[in-house]
């Protein structure tokens, strides 16, 4: 089960680029956007490191600091 389904979020649109991802997600308005992103990044980091063990030693962190445009 995916993190969106587990948290009752609806992924409206998804676009992947070579160096970033665009997500349009429908959530409860009381959920903070940074919490949604933290859960998604945490899950994808864990899954990528399981599938590609070499990432554990080459990269200290898969994700850079999140920047938000307001």
PDB file of N, CA and C in Angstrom:
ATOM      1  N   UNK A   1       0.851  -1.173   0.000  1.00  0.00           N
ATOM      2  CA  UNK A   1       0.000   0.000   0.000  1.00  0.00           C
ATOM      3  C   UNK A   1       0.897   1.237   0.000  1.00  0.00           C
ATOM      4  N   UNK A   2       0.540   2.213  -0.793  1.00  0.00           N
ATOM      5  CA  UNK A   2       1.327   3.425  -0.896  1.00  0.00           C
ATOM      6  C   UNK A   2       1.039   4.406   0.223  1.00  0.00           C
ATOM      7  N   UNK A   3       1.965   5.319   0.425  1.00  0.00           N
ATOM      8  CA  UNK A   3       1.836   6.306   1.496  1.00  0.00           C
ATOM      9  C   UNK A   3       0.611   7.190   1.292  1.00  0.00           C
ATOM     10  N   UNK A   4       0.270   7.517   0.067  1.00  0.00           N
ATOM     11  CA  UNK A   4      -0.919   8.341  -0.185  1.00  0.00           C
ATOM     12  C   UNK A   4      -2.182   7.583   0.220  1.00  0.00           C
ATOM     13  N   UNK A   5      -2.274   6.347  -0.161  1.00  0.00           N
ATOM     14  CA  UNK A   5      -3.449   5.544   0.176  1.00  0.00           C
ATOM     15  C   UNK A   5      -3.546   5.328   1.685  1.00  0.00           C
ATOM     16  N   UNK A   6      -2.428   5.067   2.346  1.00  0.00           N
ATOM     17  CA  UNK A   6      -2.420   4.867   3.793  1.00  0.00           C
ATOM     18  C   UNK A   6      -2.921   6.092   4.549  1.00  0.00           C
ATOM     19  N   UNK A   7      -2.655   7.281   4.012  1.00  0.00           N
ATOM     20  CA  UNK A   7      -3.030   8.524   4.671  1.00  0.00           C
ATOM     21  C   UNK A   7      -4.290   9.156   4.108  1.00  0.00           C
ATOM     22  N   UNK A   8      -4.963   8.429   3.219  1.00  0.00           N
ATOM     23  CA  UNK A   8      -6.211   8.902   2.613  1.00  0.00           C
ATOM     24  C   UNK A   8      -6.012  10.192   1.815  1.00  0.00           C
ATOM     25  N   UNK A   9      -4.899  10.258   1.074  1.00  0.00           N
ATOM     26  CA  UNK A   9      -4.628  11.389   0.197  1.00  0.00           C
ATOM     27  C   UNK A   9      -4.941  10.957  -1.229  1.00  0.00           C
ATOM     28  N   UNK A  10      -5.331  11.896  -2.048  1.00  0.00           N
ATOM     29  CA  UNK A  10      -5.617  11.595  -3.450  1.00  0.00           C
ATOM     30  C   UNK A  10      -4.584  12.306  -4.321  1.00  0.00           C
ATOM     31  N   UNK A  11      -3.863  11.533  -5.111  1.00  0.00           N
ATOM     32  CA  UNK A  11      -2.901  12.124  -6.048  1.00  0.00           C
ATOM     33  C   UNK A  11      -3.680  12.503  -7.299  1.00  0.00           C
ATOM     34  N   UNK A  12      -3.812  13.801  -7.513  1.00  0.00           N
ATOM     35  CA  UNK A  12      -4.576  14.327  -8.643  1.00  0.00           C
ATOM     36  C   UNK A  12      -3.726  14.301  -9.912  1.00  0.00           C
ATOM     37  N   UNK A  13      -2.466  14.706  -9.795  1.00  0.00           N
ATOM     38  CA  UNK A  13      -1.559  14.728 -10.951  1.00  0.00           C
ATOM     39  C   UNK A  13      -0.149  14.426 -10.471  1.00  0.00           C
ATOM     40  N   UNK A  14       0.619  13.774 -11.331  1.00  0.00           N
ATOM     41  CA  UNK A  14       2.008  13.412 -11.043  1.00  0.00           C
ATOM     42  C   UNK A  14       2.816  13.586 -12.317  1.00  0.00           C
ATOM     43  N   UNK A  15       3.907  14.299 -12.234  1.00  0.00           N
ATOM     44  CA  UNK A  15       4.811  14.466 -13.375  1.00  0.00           C
ATOM     45  C   UNK A  15       6.232  14.292 -12.877  1.00  0.00           C
ATOM     46  N   UNK A  16       6.969  13.378 -13.505  1.00  0.00           N
ATOM     47  CA  UNK A  16       8.360  13.155 -13.111  1.00  0.00           C
ATOM     48  C   UNK A  16       9.289  13.759 -14.155  1.00  0.00           C
ATOM     49  N   UNK A  17      10.325  14.393 -13.660  1.00  0.00           N
ATOM     50  CA  UNK A  17      11.358  14.987 -14.489  1.00  0.00           C
ATOM     51  C   UNK A  17      12.676  14.311 -14.098  1.00  0.00           C
ATOM     52  N   UNK A  18      13.743  14.478 -14.869  1.00  0.00           N
ATOM     53  CA  UNK A  18      15.009  13.837 -14.518  1.00  0.00           C
ATOM     54  C   UNK A  18      15.528  14.228 -13.131  1.00  0.00           C
ATOM     55  N   UNK A  19      15.243  15.461 -12.692  1.00  0.00           N
ATOM     56  CA  UNK A  19      15.810  15.904 -11.418  1.00  0.00           C
ATOM     57  C   UNK A  19      14.786  16.358 -10.392  1.00  0.00           C
ATOM     58  N   UNK A  20      13.495  16.213 -10.682  1.00  0.00           N
ATOM     59  CA  UNK A  20      12.474  16.581  -9.703  1.00  0.00           C
ATOM     60  C   UNK A  20      11.118  15.982 -10.067  1.00  0.00           C
ATOM     61  N   UNK A  21      10.185  16.098  -9.142  1.00  0.00           N
ATOM     62  CA  UNK A  21       8.849  15.544  -9.308  1.00  0.00           C
ATOM     63  C   UNK A  21       7.827  16.628  -8.971  1.00  0.00           C
ATOM     64  N   UNK A  22       6.752  16.669  -9.744  1.00  0.00           N
ATOM     65  CA  UNK A  22       5.634  17.563  -9.441  1.00  0.00           C
ATOM     66  C   UNK A  22       4.467  16.681  -8.982  1.00  0.00           C
ATOM     67  N   UNK A  23       3.881  17.017  -7.838  1.00  0.00           N
ATOM     68  CA  UNK A  23       2.716  16.299  -7.329  1.00  0.00           C
ATOM     69  C   UNK A  23       1.611  17.298  -7.021  1.00  0.00           C
ATOM     70  N   UNK A  24       0.408  16.957  -7.372  1.00  0.00           N
ATOM     71  CA  UNK A  24      -0.767  17.734  -6.997  1.00  0.00           C
ATOM     72  C   UNK A  24      -1.609  16.771  -6.173  1.00  0.00           C
ATOM     73  N   UNK A  25      -1.687  17.026  -4.855  1.00  0.00           N
ATOM     74  CA  UNK A  25      -2.289  16.081  -3.923  1.00  0.00           C
ATOM     75  C   UNK A  25      -3.464  16.726  -3.207  1.00  0.00           C
ATOM     76  N   UNK A  26      -4.545  15.975  -3.091  1.00  0.00           N
ATOM     77  CA  UNK A  26      -5.715  16.434  -2.338  1.00  0.00           C
ATOM     78  C   UNK A  26      -5.670  15.789  -0.955  1.00  0.00           C
ATOM     79  N   UNK A  27      -5.631  16.631   0.083  1.00  0.00           N
ATOM     80  CA  UNK A  27      -5.600  16.142   1.460  1.00  0.00           C
ATOM     81  C   UNK A  27      -6.607  16.930   2.289  1.00  0.00           C
ATOM     82  N   UNK A  28      -6.750  16.500   3.500  1.00  0.00           N
ATOM     83  CA  UNK A  28      -7.550  17.242   4.468  1.00  0.00           C
ATOM     84  C   UNK A  28      -6.873  18.599   4.667  1.00  0.00           C
ATOM     85  N   UNK A  29      -7.620  19.693   4.710  1.00  0.00           N
ATOM     86  CA  UNK A  29      -7.002  21.020   4.822  1.00  0.00           C
ATOM     87  C   UNK A  29      -6.257  21.249   6.144  1.00  0.00           C
ATOM     88  N   UNK A  30      -6.456  20.364   7.106  1.00  0.00           N
ATOM     89  CA  UNK A  30      -5.739  20.520   8.379  1.00  0.00           C
ATOM     90  C   UNK A  30      -4.348  19.886   8.351  1.00  0.00           C
ATOM     91  N   UNK A  31      -4.020  19.194   7.274  1.00  0.00           N
ATOM     92  CA  UNK A  31      -2.713  18.539   7.138  1.00  0.00           C
ATOM     93  C   UNK A  31      -1.718  19.544   6.561  1.00  0.00           C
ATOM     94  N   UNK A  32      -0.587  19.714   7.244  1.00  0.00           N
ATOM     95  CA  UNK A  32       0.448  20.641   6.784  1.00  0.00           C
ATOM     96  C   UNK A  32       1.157  20.075   5.552  1.00  0.00           C
ATOM     97  N   UNK A  33       1.374  20.882   4.515  1.00  0.00           N
ATOM     98  CA  UNK A  33       2.062  20.400   3.310  1.00  0.00           C
ATOM     99  C   UNK A  33       3.439  19.807   3.593  1.00  0.00           C
ATOM    100  N   UNK A  34       4.186  20.404   4.538  1.00  0.00           N
ATOM    101  CA  UNK A  34       5.514  19.860   4.811  1.00  0.00           C
ATOM    102  C   UNK A  34       5.430  18.464   5.431  1.00  0.00           C
ATOM    103  N   UNK A  35       4.362  18.153   6.144  1.00  0.00           N
ATOM    104  CA  UNK A  35       4.177  16.811   6.690  1.00  0.00           C
ATOM    105  C   UNK A  35       3.913  15.789   5.598  1.00  0.00           C
ATOM    106  N   UNK A  36       3.133  16.189   4.605  1.00  0.00           N
ATOM    107  CA  UNK A  36       2.854  15.312   3.459  1.00  0.00           C
ATOM    108  C   UNK A  36       4.153  15.000   2.724  1.00  0.00           C
ATOM    109  N   UNK A  37       4.919  16.026   2.431  1.00  0.00           N
ATOM    110  CA  UNK A  37       6.175  15.849   1.704  1.00  0.00           C
ATOM    111  C   UNK A  37       7.166  15.008   2.506  1.00  0.00           C
ATOM    112  N   UNK A  38       7.243  15.243   3.809  1.00  0.00           N
ATOM    113  CA  UNK A  38       8.165  14.472   4.659  1.00  0.00           C
ATOM    114  C   UNK A  38       7.834  12.980   4.607  1.00  0.00           C
ATOM    115  N   UNK A  39       6.553  12.645   4.662  1.00  0.00           N
ATOM    116  CA  UNK A  39       6.161  11.231   4.601  1.00  0.00           C
ATOM    117  C   UNK A  39       6.490  10.622   3.245  1.00  0.00           C
ATOM    118  N   UNK A  40       6.229  11.362   2.173  1.00  0.00           N
ATOM    119  CA  UNK A  40       6.521  10.848   0.829  1.00  0.00           C
ATOM    120  C   UNK A  40       8.030  10.664   0.647  1.00  0.00           C
ATOM    121  N   UNK A  41       8.806  11.654   1.043  1.00  0.00           N
ATOM    122  CA  UNK A  41      10.264  11.556   0.908  1.00  0.00           C
ATOM    123  C   UNK A  41      10.829  10.421   1.752  1.00  0.00           C
ATOM    124  N   UNK A  42      10.311  10.266   2.959  1.00  0.00           N
ATOM    125  CA  UNK A  42      10.788   9.190   3.829  1.00  0.00           C
ATOM    126  C   UNK A  42      10.546   7.822   3.235  1.00  0.00           C
ATOM    127  N   UNK A  43       9.335   7.620   2.705  1.00  0.00           N
ATOM    128  CA  UNK A  43       9.002   6.326   2.115  1.00  0.00           C
ATOM    129  C   UNK A  43       9.824   6.049   0.862  1.00  0.00           C
ATOM    130  N   UNK A  44       9.925   7.036  -0.025  1.00  0.00           N
ATOM    131  CA  UNK A  44      10.668   6.795  -1.264  1.00  0.00           C
ATOM    132  C   UNK A  44      12.155   6.596  -0.986  1.00  0.00           C
ATOM    133  N   UNK A  45      12.693   7.298  -0.012  1.00  0.00           N
ATOM    134  CA  UNK A  45      14.103   7.116   0.335  1.00  0.00           C
ATOM    135  C   UNK A  45      14.351   5.683   0.813  1.00  0.00           C
ATOM    136  N   UNK A  46      13.486   5.196   1.698  1.00  0.00           N
ATOM    137  CA  UNK A  46      13.636   3.839   2.218  1.00  0.00           C
ATOM    138  C   UNK A  46      13.527   2.805   1.100  1.00  0.00           C
ATOM    139  N   UNK A  47      12.532   2.959   0.225  1.00  0.00           N
ATOM    140  CA  UNK A  47      12.341   1.994  -0.859  1.00  0.00           C
ATOM    141  C   UNK A  47      13.500   2.013  -1.858  1.00  0.00           C
ATOM    142  N   UNK A  48      13.989   3.214  -2.195  1.00  0.00           N
ATOM    143  CA  UNK A  48      15.123   3.305  -3.128  1.00  0.00           C
ATOM    144  C   UNK A  48      16.386   2.685  -2.539  1.00  0.00           C
ATOM    145  N   UNK A  49      16.626   2.897  -1.258  1.00  0.00           N
ATOM    146  CA  UNK A  49      17.815   2.318  -0.616  1.00  0.00           C
ATOM    147  C   UNK A  49      17.714   0.803  -0.495  1.00  0.00           C
ATOM    148  N   UNK A  50      16.494   0.275  -0.349  1.00  0.00           N
ATOM    149  CA  UNK A  50      16.320  -1.179  -0.342  1.00  0.00           C
ATOM    150  C   UNK A  50      16.591  -1.767  -1.722  1.00  0.00           C
ATOM    151  N   UNK A  51      16.110  -1.090  -2.757  1.00  0.00           N
ATOM    152  CA  UNK A  51      16.290  -1.594  -4.122  1.00  0.00           C
ATOM    153  C   UNK A  51      17.711  -1.371  -4.637  1.00  0.00           C
ATOM    154  N   UNK A  52      18.343  -0.278  -4.213  1.00  0.00           N
ATOM    155  CA  UNK A  52      19.686   0.063  -4.678  1.00  0.00           C
ATOM    156  C   UNK A  52      20.603   0.254  -3.470  1.00  0.00           C
ATOM    157  N   UNK A  53      21.122  -0.841  -2.887  1.00  0.00           N
ATOM    158  CA  UNK A  53      21.939  -0.747  -1.668  1.00  0.00           C
ATOM    159  C   UNK A  53      23.167   0.152  -1.808  1.00  0.00           C
ATOM    160  N   UNK A  54      23.646   0.330  -3.020  1.00  0.00           N
ATOM    161  CA  UNK A  54      24.824   1.182  -3.214  1.00  0.00           C
ATOM    162  C   UNK A  54      24.541   2.645  -2.854  1.00  0.00           C
ATOM    163  N   UNK A  55      23.300   3.036  -2.823  1.00  0.00           N
ATOM    164  CA  UNK A  55      22.946   4.406  -2.437  1.00  0.00           C
ATOM    165  C   UNK A  55      23.281   4.692  -0.978  1.00  0.00           C
ATOM    166  N   UNK A  56      23.294   3.654  -0.145  1.00  0.00           N
ATOM    167  CA  UNK A  56      23.568   3.845   1.282  1.00  0.00           C
ATOM    168  C   UNK A  56      24.958   4.416   1.521  1.00  0.00           C
ATOM    169  N   UNK A  57      25.918   3.950   0.754  1.00  0.00           N
ATOM    170  CA  UNK A  57      27.292   4.397   0.989  1.00  0.00           C
ATOM    171  C   UNK A  57      27.685   5.601   0.136  1.00  0.00           C
ATOM    172  N   UNK A  58      26.985   5.841  -0.952  1.00  0.00           N
ATOM    173  CA  UNK A  58      27.366   6.928  -1.854  1.00  0.00           C
ATOM    174  C   UNK A  58      26.736   8.268  -1.493  1.00  0.00           C
ATOM    175  N   UNK A  59      25.540   8.220  -0.949  1.00  0.00           N
ATOM    176  CA  UNK A  59      24.818   9.456  -0.667  1.00  0.00           C
ATOM    177  C   UNK A  59      24.393   9.507   0.800  1.00  0.00           C
ATOM    178  N   UNK A  60      24.765  10.551   1.514  1.00  0.00           N
ATOM    179  CA  UNK A  60      24.312  10.653   2.904  1.00  0.00           C
ATOM    180  C   UNK A  60      22.813  10.913   2.991  1.00  0.00           C
ATOM    181  N   UNK A  61      22.259  11.553   1.970  1.00  0.00           N
ATOM    182  CA  UNK A  61      20.832  11.878   1.961  1.00  0.00           C
ATOM    183  C   UNK A  61      20.354  11.884   0.514  1.00  0.00           C
ATOM    184  N   UNK A  62      19.201  11.284   0.278  1.00  0.00           N
ATOM    185  CA  UNK A  62      18.673  11.270  -1.088  1.00  0.00           C
ATOM    186  C   UNK A  62      17.994  12.570  -1.456  1.00  0.00           C
ATOM    187  N   UNK A  63      17.486  13.272  -0.477  1.00  0.00           N
ATOM    188  CA  UNK A  63      16.712  14.468  -0.747  1.00  0.00           C
ATOM    189  C   UNK A  63      17.416  15.694  -0.188  1.00  0.00           C
ATOM    190  N   UNK A  64      17.446  16.740  -0.963  1.00  0.00           N
ATOM    191  CA  UNK A  64      17.985  18.007  -0.491  1.00  0.00           C
ATOM    192  C   UNK A  64      16.904  18.735   0.293  1.00  0.00           C
ATOM    193  N   UNK A  65      17.255  19.831   0.922  1.00  0.00           N
ATOM    194  CA  UNK A  65      16.270  20.597   1.676  1.00  0.00           C
ATOM    195  C   UNK A  65      15.119  21.031   0.801  1.00  0.00           C
ATOM    196  N   UNK A  66      13.933  20.963   1.340  1.00  0.00           N
ATOM    197  CA  UNK A  66      12.745  21.314   0.578  1.00  0.00           C
ATOM    198  C   UNK A  66      12.650  22.839   0.463  1.00  0.00           C
ATOM    199  N   UNK A  67      12.443  23.316  -0.745  1.00  0.00           N
ATOM    200  CA  UNK A  67      12.209  24.743  -0.983  1.00  0.00           C
ATOM    201  C   UNK A  67      10.772  24.915  -1.392  1.00  0.00           C
ATOM    202  N   UNK A  68      10.117  25.860  -0.818  1.00  0.00           N
ATOM    203  CA  UNK A  68       8.729  26.113  -1.179  1.00  0.00           C
ATOM    204  C   UNK A  68       8.593  27.530  -1.714  1.00  0.00           C
ATOM    205  N   UNK A  69       7.847  27.662  -2.758  1.00  0.00           N
ATOM    206  CA  UNK A  69       7.546  28.997  -3.298  1.00  0.00           C
ATOM    207  C   UNK A  69       6.205  29.420  -2.746  1.00  0.00           C
ATOM    208  N   UNK A  70       6.165  30.551  -2.137  1.00  0.00           N
ATOM    209  CA  UNK A  70       4.903  31.030  -1.571  1.00  0.00           C
ATOM    210  C   UNK A  70       4.364  32.186  -2.379  1.00  0.00           C
TER     211      UNK A  70
END
